[in-house]
N, C-alpha and C. Protein backbone atom coordinates (compact mmCIF):
# COMPACT_ATOMS: atom_id res chain seq x y z
N UNK A 1 116.34 36.73 140.40
CA UNK A 1 116.48 38.19 140.65
C UNK A 1 115.42 38.71 139.92
N UNK A 2 114.59 39.70 140.87
CA UNK A 2 113.73 40.38 140.22
C UNK A 2 114.21 41.80 139.94
N UNK A 3 113.55 42.63 139.55
CA UNK A 3 113.82 44.12 139.00
C UNK A 3 114.19 44.93 139.78
N UNK A 4 113.25 44.78 140.91
CA UNK A 4 113.59 45.54 142.24
C UNK A 4 114.93 45.28 142.93
N UNK A 5 115.04 43.92 143.08
CA UNK A 5 116.39 43.75 143.63
C UNK A 5 117.41 44.37 142.58
N UNK A 6 117.54 44.08 141.68
CA UNK A 6 118.47 44.29 140.61
C UNK A 6 118.69 46.04 140.69
N UNK A 7 117.55 46.66 140.83
CA UNK A 7 117.61 48.32 141.00
C UNK A 7 118.26 48.61 142.25
N UNK A 8 118.00 47.96 143.39
CA UNK A 8 118.55 48.46 144.62
C UNK A 8 120.02 48.05 145.09
N UNK A 9 120.28 46.69 144.14
CA UNK A 9 121.76 46.22 144.49
C UNK A 9 121.76 45.32 145.48
N UNK A 10 120.43 44.55 146.13
CA UNK A 10 120.34 43.56 146.91
C UNK A 10 118.71 43.63 147.33
N UNK A 11 118.64 42.84 148.48
CA UNK A 11 117.38 42.47 148.95
C UNK A 11 116.92 44.09 149.62
N UNK A 12 115.54 44.28 149.35
CA UNK A 12 115.19 45.75 150.06
C UNK A 12 115.36 45.92 151.30
N UNK A 13 115.17 44.81 152.04
CA UNK A 13 115.42 44.58 153.71
C UNK A 13 117.05 45.09 153.83
N UNK A 14 117.60 44.39 153.32
CA UNK A 14 119.30 44.63 153.51
C UNK A 14 119.64 45.77 153.05
N UNK A 15 119.29 46.29 152.07
CA UNK A 15 119.61 47.82 151.49
C UNK A 15 119.16 48.68 152.52
N UNK A 16 117.76 48.66 153.02
CA UNK A 16 117.26 49.52 154.03
C UNK A 16 118.31 49.38 155.09
N UNK A 17 118.65 48.38 155.81
CA UNK A 17 119.30 48.23 157.04
C UNK A 17 120.80 48.86 156.55
N UNK A 18 121.39 48.43 155.35
CA UNK A 18 122.59 49.32 154.94
C UNK A 18 122.57 50.71 155.33
N UNK A 19 121.51 51.29 154.57
CA UNK A 19 121.24 52.66 154.44
C UNK A 19 121.01 53.38 155.72
N UNK A 20 120.38 52.72 156.64
CA UNK A 20 120.02 53.30 158.11
C UNK A 20 121.20 53.23 158.60
N UNK A 21 122.03 52.02 158.74
CA UNK A 21 123.62 52.16 159.41
C UNK A 21 124.32 53.38 158.96
N UNK A 22 124.56 53.56 157.87
CA UNK A 22 125.35 54.43 157.07
C UNK A 22 124.90 55.74 157.29
N UNK A 23 123.61 56.06 157.18
CA UNK A 23 123.01 57.40 157.62
C UNK A 23 123.42 57.65 159.15
N UNK A 24 123.13 56.71 159.89
CA UNK A 24 123.45 57.10 161.29
C UNK A 24 124.74 57.47 161.80
N UNK A 25 125.82 56.73 160.98
CA UNK A 25 127.05 57.01 161.07
C UNK A 25 127.76 58.12 160.55
N UNK A 26 126.93 58.74 159.53
CA UNK A 26 127.39 60.08 158.79
C UNK A 26 126.56 61.02 159.78
N UNK A 27 125.20 60.74 160.01
CA UNK A 27 124.87 61.92 160.92
C UNK A 27 125.48 61.97 162.22
N UNK A 28 125.93 61.02 162.66
CA UNK A 28 126.64 61.20 164.11
C UNK A 28 127.92 61.91 164.01
N UNK A 29 128.82 61.90 162.63
CA UNK A 29 130.01 62.60 162.45
C UNK A 29 129.52 64.14 162.18
N UNK A 30 128.52 64.35 161.55
CA UNK A 30 128.14 65.60 161.03
C UNK A 30 127.71 66.28 162.24
N UNK A 31 127.02 65.70 163.15
CA UNK A 31 126.33 66.51 164.48
C UNK A 31 127.61 66.65 165.39
N UNK A 32 128.55 65.70 165.32
CA UNK A 32 129.98 66.23 165.99
C UNK A 32 130.47 67.39 165.71
N UNK A 33 130.69 67.47 164.35
CA UNK A 33 131.30 68.60 163.86
C UNK A 33 130.22 70.16 163.70
N UNK A 34 128.97 69.99 164.23
CA UNK A 34 128.29 71.09 164.47
C UNK A 34 127.17 71.24 163.30
N UNK A 35 126.98 70.22 162.29
CA UNK A 35 126.18 70.55 161.25
C UNK A 35 124.51 70.08 161.98
N UNK A 36 123.93 71.13 161.29
CA UNK A 36 122.51 70.55 161.48
C UNK A 36 121.76 70.48 160.25
N UNK A 37 120.37 69.49 160.27
CA UNK A 37 119.94 69.47 159.05
C UNK A 37 119.32 70.45 158.36
N UNK A 38 118.69 71.41 159.20
CA UNK A 38 117.98 72.71 158.92
C UNK A 38 119.18 73.41 158.42
N UNK A 39 120.47 73.75 158.76
CA UNK A 39 121.52 74.60 158.18
C UNK A 39 121.97 73.91 156.85
N UNK A 40 121.90 72.79 156.62
CA UNK A 40 122.38 71.92 155.21
C UNK A 40 121.19 72.43 154.37
N UNK A 41 120.20 72.27 154.75
CA UNK A 41 119.00 72.46 153.66
C UNK A 41 118.87 73.83 153.40
N UNK A 42 119.31 74.53 154.50
CA UNK A 42 118.92 76.25 154.16
C UNK A 42 120.29 76.59 153.29
N UNK A 43 121.43 75.84 153.66
CA UNK A 43 122.75 76.35 152.82
C UNK A 43 122.61 75.70 151.31
N UNK A 44 121.95 74.39 151.08
CA UNK A 44 121.82 73.94 149.79
C UNK A 44 120.72 75.03 149.11
N UNK A 45 119.59 75.43 149.60
CA UNK A 45 118.70 76.28 149.00
C UNK A 45 119.18 77.68 148.94
N UNK A 46 120.31 78.33 149.45
CA UNK A 46 120.93 79.33 149.43
C UNK A 46 121.76 79.30 148.11
N UNK A 47 122.41 78.19 147.87
CA UNK A 47 123.26 77.99 147.01
C UNK A 47 122.59 77.84 145.51
N UNK A 48 121.41 77.25 145.30
CA UNK A 48 120.62 77.23 144.51
C UNK A 48 120.00 78.41 143.67
N UNK A 49 119.88 79.14 144.77
CA UNK A 49 119.02 80.55 144.45
C UNK A 49 120.34 81.61 144.19
N UNK A 50 121.31 81.36 144.57
CA UNK A 50 122.82 82.18 144.26
C UNK A 50 122.86 81.81 142.81
N UNK A 51 122.96 80.53 142.37
CA UNK A 51 123.27 80.06 141.17
C UNK A 51 122.16 80.71 140.12
N UNK A 52 121.04 80.36 140.52
CA UNK A 52 119.83 81.10 139.69
C UNK A 52 120.13 82.39 139.18
N UNK A 53 120.06 83.33 140.60
CA UNK A 53 120.00 84.67 140.25
C UNK A 53 121.60 85.12 139.52
N UNK A 54 122.62 84.41 139.59
CA UNK A 54 123.57 84.87 138.63
C UNK A 54 123.41 84.39 137.46
N UNK A 55 123.05 83.06 137.13
CA UNK A 55 122.75 82.45 136.04
C UNK A 55 121.82 83.35 135.26
N UNK A 56 120.80 83.87 135.74
CA UNK A 56 119.79 84.76 134.91
C UNK A 56 120.44 86.26 134.62
N UNK A 57 121.56 86.56 135.48
CA UNK A 57 122.36 87.69 135.35
C UNK A 57 122.93 87.65 134.15
N UNK A 58 123.74 86.18 134.01
CA UNK A 58 124.69 86.03 133.12
C UNK A 58 123.92 85.96 131.71
N UNK A 59 122.75 85.53 131.53
CA UNK A 59 121.92 85.36 130.53
C UNK A 59 121.62 86.75 130.00
N UNK A 60 121.09 87.88 130.91
CA UNK A 60 121.11 89.14 130.64
C UNK A 60 122.34 89.49 129.82
N UNK A 61 123.30 89.53 130.40
CA UNK A 61 124.72 89.97 130.09
C UNK A 61 124.74 89.39 128.73
N UNK A 62 124.45 88.12 128.24
CA UNK A 62 124.97 87.57 127.04
C UNK A 62 123.95 88.45 125.87
N UNK A 63 122.72 88.55 126.26
CA UNK A 63 121.68 89.38 125.78
C UNK A 63 122.34 90.75 125.12
N UNK A 64 122.72 91.58 126.36
CA UNK A 64 123.28 92.85 126.17
C UNK A 64 124.47 92.64 125.01
N UNK A 65 125.45 91.87 125.28
CA UNK A 65 126.72 91.71 124.46
C UNK A 65 126.25 91.51 123.06
N UNK A 66 125.38 90.25 122.61
CA UNK A 66 124.87 90.47 121.60
C UNK A 66 124.11 91.44 120.63
N UNK A 67 123.12 92.19 121.81
CA UNK A 67 122.49 93.14 121.01
C UNK A 67 123.62 94.31 120.69
N UNK A 68 124.68 94.41 121.37
CA UNK A 68 125.78 95.48 121.04
C UNK A 68 126.44 95.31 119.99
N UNK A 69 126.75 93.87 119.83
CA UNK A 69 127.45 93.34 118.70
C UNK A 69 126.64 93.72 117.39
N UNK A 70 125.37 93.33 117.35
CA UNK A 70 124.53 93.11 116.43
C UNK A 70 124.39 94.73 115.89
N UNK A 71 124.39 95.61 116.65
CA UNK A 71 124.38 97.11 116.24
C UNK A 71 125.23 97.38 115.53
N UNK A 72 126.54 96.89 115.64
CA UNK A 72 127.50 96.88 114.52
C UNK A 72 127.69 96.06 113.27
N UNK A 73 127.18 94.84 113.63
CA UNK A 73 127.56 93.70 112.65
C UNK A 73 126.52 93.78 111.53
N UNK A 74 125.15 93.91 111.88
CA UNK A 74 124.12 94.13 110.87
C UNK A 74 124.19 95.08 109.87
N UNK A 75 124.44 96.47 110.31
CA UNK A 75 124.45 97.50 109.55
C UNK A 75 125.65 97.22 108.47
N UNK A 76 126.84 96.76 108.99
CA UNK A 76 127.76 96.46 107.99
C UNK A 76 127.59 95.22 107.06
N UNK A 77 127.04 94.19 107.34
CA UNK A 77 126.55 92.93 106.65
C UNK A 77 125.62 93.67 105.65
N UNK A 78 124.70 94.46 105.91
CA UNK A 78 123.75 94.96 104.93
C UNK A 78 124.41 95.76 103.93
N UNK A 79 125.24 96.79 104.31
CA UNK A 79 126.01 97.54 103.46
C UNK A 79 127.01 96.61 102.48
N UNK A 80 127.43 95.53 103.11
CA UNK A 80 128.45 94.82 102.11
C UNK A 80 127.39 93.77 101.25
N UNK A 81 126.25 93.61 101.52
CA UNK A 81 125.31 92.91 100.55
C UNK A 81 124.76 93.57 99.68
N UNK A 82 124.46 95.06 99.91
CA UNK A 82 124.17 95.83 98.84
C UNK A 82 125.14 96.24 97.85
N UNK A 83 126.45 96.25 98.45
CA UNK A 83 127.31 96.74 97.46
C UNK A 83 127.96 95.39 96.73
N UNK A 84 127.42 94.02 97.11
CA UNK A 84 127.85 92.89 96.47
C UNK A 84 126.70 92.61 95.20
N UNK A 85 125.43 93.13 95.63
CA UNK A 85 124.31 93.00 94.78
C UNK A 85 124.57 93.98 93.38
N UNK A 86 125.25 94.91 93.79
CA UNK A 86 125.57 96.16 92.66
C UNK A 86 126.60 95.58 91.96
N UNK A 87 127.82 95.03 92.57
CA UNK A 87 128.55 94.32 91.73
C UNK A 87 128.09 93.42 90.49
N UNK A 88 127.23 92.53 91.19
CA UNK A 88 126.65 91.28 90.27
C UNK A 88 125.86 91.61 89.29
N UNK A 89 125.21 93.09 89.07
CA UNK A 89 124.44 93.32 88.31
C UNK A 89 125.46 93.74 86.73
């Protein structure tokens, strides 16, 4: 058994024939229900764009939340450090 056969899970010709038959059956079912390859690709691209747009928006929102928190936390931390340094002397 060579590595290509192990990778594919059978002989290349057998795997190609099985993929051809399964692709034809699935395609027949999808076309019966009105799906078109172009529509499927467009929908997939649209979903990816939507995820990227909202993902980047979420990253910007995380940055805004972090900056807002830092405006409060950092000065309080600095004051506490300075007071602690005074006590240590």
